[in-house]
N, C-alpha and C. Protein backbone atom coordinates (compact mmCIF):
# COMPACT_ATOMS: atom_id res chain seq x y z
N MET A 1 23.31 -19.75 -7.00
CA MET A 1 21.82 -19.80 -6.74
C MET A 1 21.33 -18.58 -7.34
N GLU A 2 20.09 -18.86 -7.85
CA GLU A 2 19.17 -17.81 -8.59
C GLU A 2 18.44 -17.05 -7.38
N GLN A 3 18.34 -15.90 -7.77
CA GLN A 3 17.42 -14.93 -6.91
C GLN A 3 16.11 -14.81 -7.29
N TYR A 4 14.98 -14.78 -6.47
CA TYR A 4 13.61 -14.67 -6.93
C TYR A 4 13.01 -13.81 -6.25
N SER A 5 12.10 -12.47 -6.91
CA SER A 5 11.84 -11.43 -6.38
C SER A 5 10.57 -11.90 -5.62
N ASP A 6 9.92 -13.12 -6.04
CA ASP A 6 8.54 -13.77 -5.88
C ASP A 6 8.85 -15.24 -5.57
N THR A 7 8.59 -15.46 -4.59
CA THR A 7 8.44 -16.97 -4.10
C THR A 7 7.14 -17.21 -3.34
N ILE A 8 7.45 -18.84 -3.52
CA ILE A 8 6.04 -19.29 -2.59
C ILE A 8 6.68 -20.62 -1.82
N LYS A 9 6.31 -20.54 -0.44
CA LYS A 9 6.54 -21.58 0.26
C LYS A 9 5.39 -22.36 1.04
N LEU A 10 5.65 -23.85 0.72
CA LEU A 10 4.62 -24.32 1.61
C LEU A 10 5.32 -25.34 2.26
N GLU A 11 4.59 -25.31 3.50
CA GLU A 11 5.16 -26.27 4.64
C GLU A 11 4.05 -27.10 5.18
N LEU A 12 4.22 -28.52 5.63
CA LEU A 12 3.64 -29.20 6.26
C LEU A 12 4.23 -29.49 7.73
N ARG A 13 3.27 -29.27 8.55
CA ARG A 13 3.75 -29.95 10.18
C ARG A 13 2.94 -31.17 10.65
N ASP A 14 3.58 -31.65 11.61
CA ASP A 14 2.81 -32.33 12.33
C ASP A 14 2.01 -32.00 13.19
N SER A 15 1.27 -32.88 14.10
CA SER A 15 0.07 -32.28 15.08
C SER A 15 1.03 -31.66 16.22
N THR A 16 2.48 -31.85 16.62
CA THR A 16 3.17 -31.18 17.76
C THR A 16 4.02 -30.17 16.93
N GLN A 17 3.55 -29.30 15.79
CA GLN A 17 3.90 -28.16 14.73
C GLN A 17 5.51 -28.35 14.23
N LYS A 18 5.76 -29.69 14.24
CA LYS A 18 7.29 -29.93 14.09
C LYS A 18 7.19 -29.97 12.61
N MET A 19 8.31 -29.65 11.65
CA MET A 19 8.02 -29.63 10.40
C MET A 19 8.30 -30.80 9.82
N PHE A 20 7.75 -31.40 9.00
CA PHE A 20 7.82 -32.70 8.18
C PHE A 20 8.09 -32.15 6.80
N LEU A 21 7.46 -31.49 6.21
CA LEU A 21 8.00 -31.25 4.98
C LEU A 21 8.05 -29.63 4.45
N GLN A 22 8.86 -28.99 3.51
CA GLN A 22 8.95 -27.70 3.14
C GLN A 22 9.37 -27.75 1.81
N VAL A 23 8.79 -26.88 1.05
CA VAL A 23 9.06 -26.49 -0.50
C VAL A 23 8.90 -25.30 -0.56
N GLU A 24 10.11 -24.73 -1.34
CA GLU A 24 10.38 -23.25 -1.55
C GLU A 24 10.28 -23.17 -3.30
N TYR A 25 9.61 -22.47 -3.73
CA TYR A 25 9.55 -21.89 -5.32
C TYR A 25 9.93 -20.77 -5.51
N GLY A 26 10.63 -20.52 -6.55
CA GLY A 26 10.78 -19.11 -6.91
C GLY A 26 9.80 -19.14 -8.16
N ILE A 27 9.17 -17.72 -8.60
CA ILE A 27 8.28 -17.72 -9.47
C ILE A 27 9.00 -17.02 -10.75
N GLN A 28 9.39 -17.97 -12.06
CA GLN A 28 9.70 -17.58 -13.15
C GLN A 28 8.51 -17.26 -14.08
N PHE A 29 8.37 -15.95 -14.46
CA PHE A 29 6.66 -15.61 -15.10
C PHE A 29 7.33 -15.98 -16.63
N PRO A 30 6.14 -16.23 -17.14
CA PRO A 30 4.78 -16.40 -16.71
C PRO A 30 4.38 -17.77 -16.25
N GLU A 31 4.69 -18.60 -16.71
CA GLU A 31 4.04 -20.30 -16.46
C GLU A 31 5.39 -20.95 -16.19
N LYS A 32 5.99 -20.76 -14.71
CA LYS A 32 6.86 -21.75 -14.27
C LYS A 32 7.53 -21.20 -12.74
N LEU A 33 7.36 -22.41 -11.91
CA LEU A 33 8.01 -22.23 -10.63
C LEU A 33 8.88 -23.37 -10.59
N ILE A 34 10.31 -22.91 -10.06
CA ILE A 34 11.45 -23.26 -10.02
C ILE A 34 11.78 -23.80 -8.62
N ARG A 35 11.79 -24.99 -8.20
CA ARG A 35 12.04 -25.68 -6.85
C ARG A 35 13.65 -25.39 -6.18
N TYR A 36 13.86 -24.41 -5.27
CA TYR A 36 14.92 -24.10 -4.80
C TYR A 36 15.38 -24.48 -3.50
N ASN A 37 14.42 -24.98 -2.76
CA ASN A 37 14.76 -25.66 -1.64
C ASN A 37 13.50 -26.82 -1.07
N PHE A 38 13.90 -27.82 -0.66
CA PHE A 38 13.27 -29.04 -0.36
C PHE A 38 13.58 -29.64 0.89
N TYR A 39 12.85 -29.82 1.99
CA TYR A 39 13.19 -30.54 3.01
C TYR A 39 11.97 -31.16 3.60
N CYS A 40 12.39 -32.72 3.65
CA CYS A 40 11.22 -33.94 4.31
C CYS A 40 11.88 -34.70 5.25
N ALA A 41 11.45 -34.43 6.56
CA ALA A 41 11.97 -35.36 7.66
C ALA A 41 11.65 -36.83 7.77
N ASP A 42 11.10 -37.26 6.67
CA ASP A 42 10.71 -38.49 6.49
C ASP A 42 11.81 -39.22 5.30
N LYS A 43 12.99 -39.81 5.60
CA LYS A 43 13.87 -39.90 4.83
C LYS A 43 13.58 -41.07 3.64
N LYS A 44 12.40 -41.85 4.22
CA LYS A 44 11.96 -43.07 3.40
C LYS A 44 11.28 -42.24 2.01
N ILE A 45 10.61 -41.42 2.24
CA ILE A 45 9.68 -40.98 0.88
C ILE A 45 10.76 -39.57 0.53
N PHE A 46 11.54 -39.06 1.13
CA PHE A 46 12.00 -37.91 0.38
C PHE A 46 12.38 -37.85 -1.07
N THR A 47 13.19 -38.96 -1.56
CA THR A 47 13.25 -38.74 -2.82
C THR A 47 11.98 -38.84 -3.61
N ARG A 48 10.94 -39.55 -3.53
CA ARG A 48 9.60 -39.74 -4.38
C ARG A 48 9.12 -38.05 -4.33
N LEU A 49 9.14 -37.49 -3.24
CA LEU A 49 8.60 -36.46 -2.79
C LEU A 49 9.39 -35.21 -3.69
N GLU A 50 10.23 -35.29 -3.56
CA GLU A 50 11.62 -34.39 -4.03
C GLU A 50 11.12 -34.30 -5.58
N ALA A 51 11.23 -35.75 -6.26
CA ALA A 51 10.91 -35.55 -7.71
C ALA A 51 9.54 -35.00 -8.09
N ASP A 52 8.72 -35.17 -7.30
CA ASP A 52 7.37 -34.73 -7.52
C ASP A 52 7.22 -32.96 -7.46
N ALA A 53 8.07 -32.48 -6.61
CA ALA A 53 8.33 -31.39 -6.47
C ALA A 53 9.04 -30.22 -7.42
N ASP A 54 9.73 -30.99 -8.20
CA ASP A 54 10.70 -30.47 -9.16
C ASP A 54 9.69 -29.67 -10.15
N PRO A 55 10.64 -28.94 -11.02
CA PRO A 55 10.08 -27.48 -11.90
C PRO A 55 8.54 -27.84 -12.40
N MET A 56 7.89 -26.89 -11.99
CA MET A 56 6.53 -27.10 -12.21
C MET A 56 6.28 -26.08 -13.46
N VAL A 57 5.44 -26.52 -14.26
CA VAL A 57 5.17 -25.82 -15.74
C VAL A 57 3.55 -25.74 -15.89
N GLY A 58 2.89 -24.71 -16.14
CA GLY A 58 1.63 -24.76 -16.22
C GLY A 58 0.86 -23.60 -16.56
N THR A 59 -0.51 -23.62 -16.17
CA THR A 59 -0.74 -22.11 -16.47
C THR A 59 -1.76 -22.00 -15.03
N PHE A 60 -0.83 -21.06 -14.27
CA PHE A 60 -1.13 -20.59 -13.22
C PHE A 60 -2.12 -19.28 -13.27
N GLU A 61 -2.62 -19.15 -11.79
CA GLU A 61 -3.55 -17.72 -11.83
C GLU A 61 -3.17 -16.48 -12.10
N TRP A 62 -1.71 -16.49 -11.84
CA TRP A 62 -0.91 -15.16 -12.13
C TRP A 62 -0.68 -14.88 -13.34
N ALA A 63 -0.64 -15.87 -14.28
CA ALA A 63 -0.29 -15.65 -15.55
C ALA A 63 -1.24 -15.29 -16.46
N SER A 64 -2.83 -15.24 -16.14
CA SER A 64 -3.73 -14.73 -16.90
C SER A 64 -4.25 -13.63 -15.78
N ASN A 65 -5.25 -12.90 -16.78
CA ASN A 65 -5.65 -11.48 -16.04
C ASN A 65 -6.99 -12.14 -15.37
N PRO A 66 -6.81 -12.10 -14.12
CA PRO A 66 -8.25 -12.38 -13.56
C PRO A 66 -9.37 -11.22 -13.83
N LYS A 67 -10.72 -11.76 -13.66
CA LYS A 67 -11.71 -11.17 -14.00
C LYS A 67 -12.04 -9.91 -13.24
N ASN A 68 -11.41 -9.90 -12.13
CA ASN A 68 -11.83 -8.43 -10.92
C ASN A 68 -10.59 -7.43 -11.30
N THR A 69 -9.84 -7.50 -12.12
CA THR A 69 -8.78 -6.54 -12.39
C THR A 69 -9.39 -5.26 -12.77
N PHE A 70 -8.96 -4.22 -12.64
CA PHE A 70 -9.27 -3.10 -13.13
C PHE A 70 -8.07 -2.10 -13.63
N GLU A 71 -8.29 -1.31 -14.35
CA GLU A 71 -7.32 -0.24 -14.63
C GLU A 71 -7.91 1.38 -14.54
N LEU A 72 -6.66 1.83 -13.92
CA LEU A 72 -6.80 3.21 -13.22
C LEU A 72 -6.74 4.30 -14.61
N SER A 73 -7.93 5.31 -14.56
CA SER A 73 -7.67 6.28 -15.63
C SER A 73 -6.72 6.81 -15.46
N THR A 74 -6.39 7.88 -16.42
CA THR A 74 -5.11 8.84 -16.51
C THR A 74 -5.26 9.80 -15.01
N LYS A 75 -6.73 9.94 -15.27
CA LYS A 75 -7.03 11.30 -14.15
C LYS A 75 -6.54 10.69 -12.73
N GLN A 76 -6.99 9.30 -12.45
CA GLN A 76 -6.72 8.80 -11.26
C GLN A 76 -5.38 8.49 -11.13
N ILE A 77 -4.28 7.87 -12.09
CA ILE A 77 -2.83 8.08 -11.82
C ILE A 77 -2.10 9.40 -11.79
N GLU A 78 -3.11 10.44 -12.37
CA GLU A 78 -2.34 11.66 -11.85
C GLU A 78 -2.51 12.30 -10.31
N TYR A 79 -3.87 11.74 -9.41
CA TYR A 79 -4.10 11.94 -8.66
C TYR A 79 -3.07 11.01 -7.52
N LEU A 80 -2.76 9.73 -8.04
CA LEU A 80 -1.81 8.91 -6.95
C LEU A 80 -0.58 9.68 -7.16
N GLN A 81 -0.10 10.04 -8.06
CA GLN A 81 1.10 11.01 -8.33
C GLN A 81 1.21 12.24 -7.38
N ILE A 82 0.12 13.12 -7.25
CA ILE A 82 -0.34 14.14 -6.28
C ILE A 82 0.16 13.64 -5.13
N ALA A 83 -0.73 12.57 -4.65
CA ALA A 83 -0.83 12.22 -3.42
C ALA A 83 0.59 11.83 -3.14
N ASP A 84 1.36 10.81 -3.65
CA ASP A 84 2.63 10.54 -3.27
C ASP A 84 3.50 11.75 -3.03
N ARG A 85 3.59 12.62 -4.00
CA ARG A 85 4.33 13.76 -3.20
C ARG A 85 3.81 14.61 -2.16
N ILE A 86 2.64 14.69 -1.64
CA ILE A 86 2.20 15.14 -0.46
C ILE A 86 2.41 14.44 0.54
N ARG A 87 2.22 13.03 0.30
CA ARG A 87 2.33 11.75 1.51
C ARG A 87 4.06 11.99 1.70
N SER A 88 4.78 11.97 0.58
CA SER A 88 6.37 11.65 1.03
C SER A 88 7.05 12.87 2.00
N ILE A 89 6.12 14.08 1.98
CA ILE A 89 6.64 15.12 3.12
C ILE A 89 6.71 14.82 4.36
N GLY A 90 5.47 13.96 4.59
CA GLY A 90 4.97 13.32 6.02
C GLY A 90 5.53 11.87 6.14
N ASN A 91 6.40 11.60 5.62
CA ASN A 91 7.22 10.11 5.39
C ASN A 91 8.31 9.84 6.40
N ASP A 92 8.09 10.77 7.76
CA ASP A 92 8.90 10.74 8.60
C ASP A 92 9.21 9.72 9.71
N ARG A 93 10.02 9.64 10.81
CA ARG A 93 9.89 8.36 11.37
C ARG A 93 8.83 8.32 12.35
N ASP A 94 8.34 6.86 12.40
CA ASP A 94 6.85 6.73 13.15
C ASP A 94 5.78 6.75 12.29
N ALA A 95 5.93 7.56 11.11
CA ALA A 95 4.54 7.55 10.37
C ALA A 95 4.28 6.33 9.65
N ARG A 96 2.93 6.10 9.91
CA ARG A 96 2.64 4.70 9.18
C ARG A 96 1.42 4.87 8.11
N GLN A 97 1.76 3.93 7.52
CA GLN A 97 0.70 4.15 5.81
C GLN A 97 0.07 2.93 5.91
N SER A 98 -1.05 3.32 5.28
CA SER A 98 -1.98 2.16 4.82
C SER A 98 -2.92 2.63 3.58
N ILE A 99 -3.31 1.71 2.79
CA ILE A 99 -4.29 1.76 1.79
C ILE A 99 -5.15 1.09 1.70
N ILE A 100 -6.55 1.41 1.66
CA ILE A 100 -7.70 0.92 1.25
C ILE A 100 -8.27 0.87 0.13
N ILE A 101 -8.48 -0.33 -0.81
CA ILE A 101 -9.00 -0.45 -2.09
C ILE A 101 -10.34 -0.87 -1.86
N THR A 102 -11.50 0.05 -2.51
CA THR A 102 -12.61 -0.47 -2.43
C THR A 102 -13.11 -0.48 -3.88
N SER A 103 -14.47 -0.54 -4.43
CA SER A 103 -14.80 -0.51 -5.74
C SER A 103 -15.05 0.75 -5.98
N THR A 104 -15.17 1.61 -5.03
CA THR A 104 -15.54 3.27 -5.62
C THR A 104 -14.38 4.12 -5.07
N PHE A 105 -13.33 3.39 -4.27
CA PHE A 105 -12.35 4.40 -3.94
C PHE A 105 -11.23 3.99 -3.48
N ILE A 106 -10.06 4.49 -3.49
CA ILE A 106 -8.84 4.16 -2.83
C ILE A 106 -8.75 5.29 -1.93
N LYS A 107 -8.35 4.94 -0.71
CA LYS A 107 -7.99 5.72 0.64
C LYS A 107 -6.79 5.45 0.92
N LEU A 108 -5.71 6.61 0.94
CA LEU A 108 -4.50 6.57 1.61
C LEU A 108 -4.41 7.06 2.98
N ASN A 109 -3.89 6.45 3.72
CA ASN A 109 -3.92 7.12 5.32
C ASN A 109 -2.26 7.04 5.67
N GLN A 110 -1.85 8.03 6.13
CA GLN A 110 -0.63 8.53 6.80
C GLN A 110 -0.88 8.93 8.03
N SER A 111 -0.37 8.25 9.24
CA SER A 111 -0.75 8.50 10.66
C SER A 111 0.83 8.56 11.29
N ASN A 112 0.85 9.70 11.99
CA ASN A 112 1.83 9.53 13.56
C ASN A 112 1.42 10.36 14.54
N HIS A 113 1.43 8.93 15.56
CA HIS A 113 1.14 9.48 16.95
C HIS A 113 2.09 9.42 17.64
N MET A 114 3.09 9.55 17.49
CA MET A 114 4.80 9.17 18.08
C MET A 114 4.21 10.20 19.62
N ASN A 115 4.80 9.25 20.58
CA ASN A 115 4.26 9.74 22.21
C ASN A 115 3.06 10.58 22.35
N SER A 116 1.83 10.33 21.81
CA SER A 116 0.60 11.15 21.75
C SER A 116 -0.14 10.49 23.15
N ARG A 117 0.37 9.18 23.59
CA ARG A 117 -0.35 8.86 24.99
C ARG A 117 0.52 8.97 26.04
N SER A 118 1.54 9.63 25.89
CA SER A 118 2.86 9.40 26.85
C SER A 118 2.60 10.85 27.81
N LEU A 119 2.61 10.97 29.21
CA LEU A 119 2.32 11.78 29.65
C LEU A 119 3.82 12.77 29.87
N ASP A 120 4.77 11.89 29.86
CA ASP A 120 5.90 12.53 29.91
C ASP A 120 6.36 13.47 28.56
N HIS A 121 5.64 13.38 27.57
CA HIS A 121 5.92 14.32 26.24
C HIS A 121 4.78 15.28 26.16
N LYS A 122 4.01 16.19 26.88
CA LYS A 122 3.22 16.78 26.93
C LYS A 122 3.43 17.96 25.95
N ASP A 123 5.04 18.13 25.91
CA ASP A 123 5.00 19.39 24.75
C ASP A 123 6.10 18.89 23.87
N SER A 124 5.70 17.39 23.13
CA SER A 124 6.49 17.12 22.12
C SER A 124 6.23 15.84 21.44
N TYR A 125 4.55 15.91 21.72
CA TYR A 125 3.83 14.71 20.90
C TYR A 125 3.53 15.29 19.47
N VAL A 126 3.57 13.81 18.73
CA VAL A 126 3.05 14.24 17.43
C VAL A 126 1.58 13.48 17.23
N LEU A 127 0.73 14.10 16.51
CA LEU A 127 -0.79 13.61 16.61
C LEU A 127 -1.12 13.91 15.40
N ARG A 128 -0.81 13.31 14.34
CA ARG A 128 -1.09 13.86 12.73
C ARG A 128 -1.61 12.89 12.16
N ASP A 129 -2.67 13.24 11.52
CA ASP A 129 -3.33 12.20 10.35
C ASP A 129 -3.70 12.71 8.75
N LEU A 130 -3.32 12.22 8.04
CA LEU A 130 -3.38 12.70 6.65
C LEU A 130 -4.30 11.45 6.05
N TYR A 131 -5.15 11.67 5.02
CA TYR A 131 -6.12 11.03 4.43
C TYR A 131 -6.33 11.61 3.30
N ILE A 132 -6.36 10.83 2.17
CA ILE A 132 -6.48 11.03 0.88
C ILE A 132 -7.64 10.20 0.04
N ILE A 133 -8.32 10.11 -0.43
CA ILE A 133 -9.57 9.46 -0.86
C ILE A 133 -9.37 10.15 -2.35
N ILE A 134 -9.17 9.06 -3.33
CA ILE A 134 -9.19 8.96 -4.68
C ILE A 134 -10.31 8.14 -5.22
N PRO A 135 -11.50 9.04 -5.81
CA PRO A 135 -12.64 7.93 -6.54
C PRO A 135 -12.32 7.36 -7.45
N LEU A 136 -12.94 5.95 -7.65
CA LEU A 136 -12.70 5.13 -8.66
C LEU A 136 -14.09 5.41 -9.71
N LYS A 137 -14.88 5.84 -9.00
CA LYS A 137 -16.21 6.15 -9.88
C LYS A 137 -16.76 7.40 -9.65
N GLU A 138 -17.85 7.89 -10.84
CA GLU A 138 -18.03 9.07 -10.54
C GLU A 138 -18.86 9.37 -9.56
N ARG A 139 -18.92 10.34 -8.68
CA ARG A 139 -19.77 10.48 -7.69
C ARG A 139 -20.59 11.91 -7.58
N ASN A 140 -21.81 11.84 -7.31
CA ASN A 140 -22.82 13.10 -7.15
C ASN A 140 -22.24 13.71 -6.32
N LYS A 141 -21.68 15.07 -6.63
CA LYS A 141 -21.31 15.73 -5.51
C LYS A 141 -22.02 16.94 -4.67
N LYS A 142 -23.28 16.52 -5.10
CA LYS A 142 -24.24 17.46 -4.33
C LYS A 142 -24.64 16.67 -3.32
N GLU A 143 -24.42 15.34 -3.49
CA GLU A 143 -24.68 14.34 -1.93
C GLU A 143 -23.58 13.99 -1.02
N ASP A 144 -22.37 14.85 -1.69
CA ASP A 144 -21.02 14.29 -0.96
C ASP A 144 -21.17 15.37 0.35
N PRO A 145 -20.95 14.79 1.38
CA PRO A 145 -20.97 15.33 3.10
C PRO A 145 -19.31 16.28 2.58
N LYS A 146 -19.63 17.34 2.92
CA LYS A 146 -18.46 18.27 3.14
C LYS A 146 -17.54 17.87 4.66
N VAL A 147 -16.39 17.42 4.85
CA VAL A 147 -15.81 17.29 6.23
C VAL A 147 -14.95 18.60 6.51
N VAL A 148 -15.30 19.28 7.40
CA VAL A 148 -14.29 20.23 7.79
C VAL A 148 -12.81 20.14 7.39
N GLY A 149 -12.24 20.95 6.94
CA GLY A 149 -10.86 20.48 6.89
C GLY A 149 -10.54 20.04 5.68
N SER A 150 -11.58 19.59 4.88
CA SER A 150 -11.24 18.91 3.63
C SER A 150 -10.58 19.94 2.61
N ASN A 151 -9.95 19.05 1.50
CA ASN A 151 -9.37 20.14 0.45
C ASN A 151 -9.63 19.19 -0.54
N TYR A 152 -9.93 20.08 -1.70
CA TYR A 152 -10.06 18.98 -3.01
C TYR A 152 -9.15 19.64 -4.19
N ILE A 153 -8.62 18.29 -4.77
CA ILE A 153 -7.89 18.74 -6.20
C ILE A 153 -8.63 17.61 -7.19
N GLY A 154 -9.58 18.38 -8.01
CA GLY A 154 -10.42 17.71 -8.75
C GLY A 154 -11.47 17.07 -7.81
N ASP A 155 -11.44 15.78 -8.25
CA ASP A 155 -12.47 14.76 -7.20
C ASP A 155 -11.71 14.36 -5.97
N MET A 156 -10.35 14.48 -5.77
CA MET A 156 -9.49 13.81 -4.79
C MET A 156 -10.04 14.67 -3.69
N GLU A 157 -10.08 14.12 -2.64
CA GLU A 157 -10.43 14.65 -1.22
C GLU A 157 -8.86 14.72 -0.41
N ILE A 158 -8.50 15.61 0.09
CA ILE A 158 -7.54 15.46 0.93
C ILE A 158 -7.86 15.81 2.46
N ILE A 159 -7.75 15.18 3.50
CA ILE A 159 -7.91 15.79 5.02
C ILE A 159 -6.52 15.72 5.76
N LEU A 160 -6.41 16.62 6.20
CA LEU A 160 -5.03 16.85 7.13
C LEU A 160 -5.66 17.27 8.47
N ASN A 161 -5.40 16.38 9.57
CA ASN A 161 -5.46 16.76 10.88
C ASN A 161 -4.27 17.04 11.53
N ASP A 162 -3.93 17.76 12.17
CA ASP A 162 -2.37 17.77 12.95
C ASP A 162 -2.76 18.61 14.21
N ARG A 163 -2.90 17.74 15.28
CA ARG A 163 -3.05 18.28 16.55
C ARG A 163 -1.78 17.97 17.20
N SER A 164 -0.62 18.07 16.80
CA SER A 164 0.49 17.86 17.35
C SER A 164 0.88 19.02 18.35
N ALA A 165 1.58 18.87 19.33
CA ALA A 165 2.47 19.84 19.98
C ALA A 165 2.97 20.82 19.28
N GLU A 166 2.61 21.73 19.61
CA GLU A 166 3.31 23.40 18.88
C GLU A 166 4.74 23.03 18.47
N SER A 167 5.23 22.44 19.31
CA SER A 167 7.00 22.11 18.71
C SER A 167 7.03 21.16 17.67
N GLN A 168 6.15 20.39 17.44
CA GLN A 168 5.99 19.37 16.46
C GLN A 168 5.24 19.50 15.28
N ARG A 169 4.66 20.73 14.97
CA ARG A 169 3.73 20.89 13.87
C ARG A 169 4.82 21.27 12.59
N THR A 170 6.10 21.05 12.53
CA THR A 170 6.45 21.41 11.45
C THR A 170 6.23 20.74 10.13
N THR A 171 6.30 19.33 10.04
CA THR A 171 6.27 18.46 9.06
C THR A 171 4.61 18.77 8.82
N GLY A 172 3.52 18.73 9.73
CA GLY A 172 2.07 19.28 9.31
C GLY A 172 2.18 20.57 8.56
N ASP A 173 2.65 21.60 8.76
CA ASP A 173 2.68 22.46 8.19
C ASP A 173 3.45 22.38 6.81
N LYS A 174 4.63 21.79 6.64
CA LYS A 174 4.85 21.24 5.35
C LYS A 174 4.09 20.94 4.51
N ILE A 175 3.41 19.78 5.13
CA ILE A 175 2.50 19.16 4.29
C ILE A 175 1.15 19.87 4.12
N ARG A 176 0.59 20.98 4.88
CA ARG A 176 -0.40 21.82 4.21
C ARG A 176 0.08 22.96 3.40
N ILE A 177 1.48 23.41 3.19
CA ILE A 177 1.71 24.24 2.16
C ILE A 177 1.96 23.27 0.83
N ALA A 178 2.47 22.17 0.91
CA ALA A 178 2.43 21.27 -0.33
C ALA A 178 0.79 21.05 -0.84
N ILE A 179 -0.18 20.89 0.22
CA ILE A 179 -1.69 20.51 -0.36
C ILE A 179 -1.75 22.00 -1.12
N GLU A 180 -1.53 23.14 -0.30
CA GLU A 180 -1.68 24.54 -1.28
C GLU A 180 -1.10 24.80 -2.51
N ASN A 181 -0.01 24.20 -2.59
CA ASN A 181 0.75 24.48 -3.83
C ASN A 181 0.40 23.40 -4.84
N GLU A 182 -0.18 22.25 -4.48
CA GLU A 182 -0.86 21.30 -5.51
C GLU A 182 -2.17 21.64 -5.62
N ILE A 183 -2.84 22.60 -5.09
CA ILE A 183 -3.89 22.85 -5.43
C ILE A 183 -3.95 23.95 -6.55
N ILE A 184 -3.09 24.92 -6.11
CA ILE A 184 -2.74 25.80 -7.18
C ILE A 184 -2.07 25.35 -8.37
N LYS A 185 -1.52 24.32 -8.47
CA LYS A 185 -0.55 23.97 -9.89
C LYS A 185 -1.68 22.98 -10.73
N TYR A 186 -2.39 22.08 -9.69
CA TYR A 186 -3.64 21.82 -10.36
C TYR A 186 -4.51 22.58 -11.30
N LYS A 187 -5.01 23.74 -10.48
CA LYS A 187 -5.85 24.82 -11.42
C LYS A 187 -5.13 25.66 -12.63
N GLN A 188 -3.95 25.67 -12.22
CA GLN A 188 -3.29 26.26 -13.40
C GLN A 188 -3.04 25.20 -14.45
N ASP A 189 -2.90 23.96 -14.43
CA ASP A 189 -2.85 22.52 -15.50
C ASP A 189 -4.31 22.77 -15.72
N LEU A 190 -5.32 22.96 -15.52
CA LEU A 190 -6.66 23.01 -15.89
C LEU A 190 -6.89 24.19 -16.84
N ASP A 191 -6.43 25.66 -16.38
CA ASP A 191 -6.34 26.45 -17.17
C ASP A 191 -5.57 26.46 -18.57
N ASN A 192 -4.25 25.75 -18.43
CA ASN A 192 -3.65 25.71 -19.40
C ASN A 192 -4.01 24.77 -20.39
N LYS A 193 -5.05 23.59 -20.15
CA LYS A 193 -5.63 22.87 -20.97
C LYS A 193 -6.69 23.54 -21.64
N LYS A 194 -7.35 24.59 -21.33
CA LYS A 194 -8.54 24.98 -21.87
C LYS A 194 -8.39 25.87 -23.08
């Protein structure tokens, strides 16, 4: 059986939520769907529906470039690489990641609030938030509000809030050092390009 990294599953259920029809397709880029699983509860129409569900060839939306795609600049890719290096340090147990993409920025969040609401862990809770904002458009820096604790690497803003228990600040301290090192490295790279 072939393995597909991308699949589409279509299900049709009756009013009691009982499965009536299920078809699974594997996507073979750029323009082909291969059926690899088929189920129909009604044996009378099984053969006809199965034939209709066989390999589909055509122009699918993912085969063409949609109008709303955008490309990242070299600078934005560099910011993402820096952000990835910083975030990898805080990617410990219970760290939660999120990415928000808008028309003007990419915001990467990493939070770890392990035991932060537990009264039994007054001395061993983690309460750490890391925010990295990468602009997708030029900003007027004079109008930008400065957030206390913000660090900037070029136009990329990095905010680290670590309110963890004293015994749990090791990772936050490592992230803070990584941010400082990335700022120094970025400035050195800029000086070398001059």
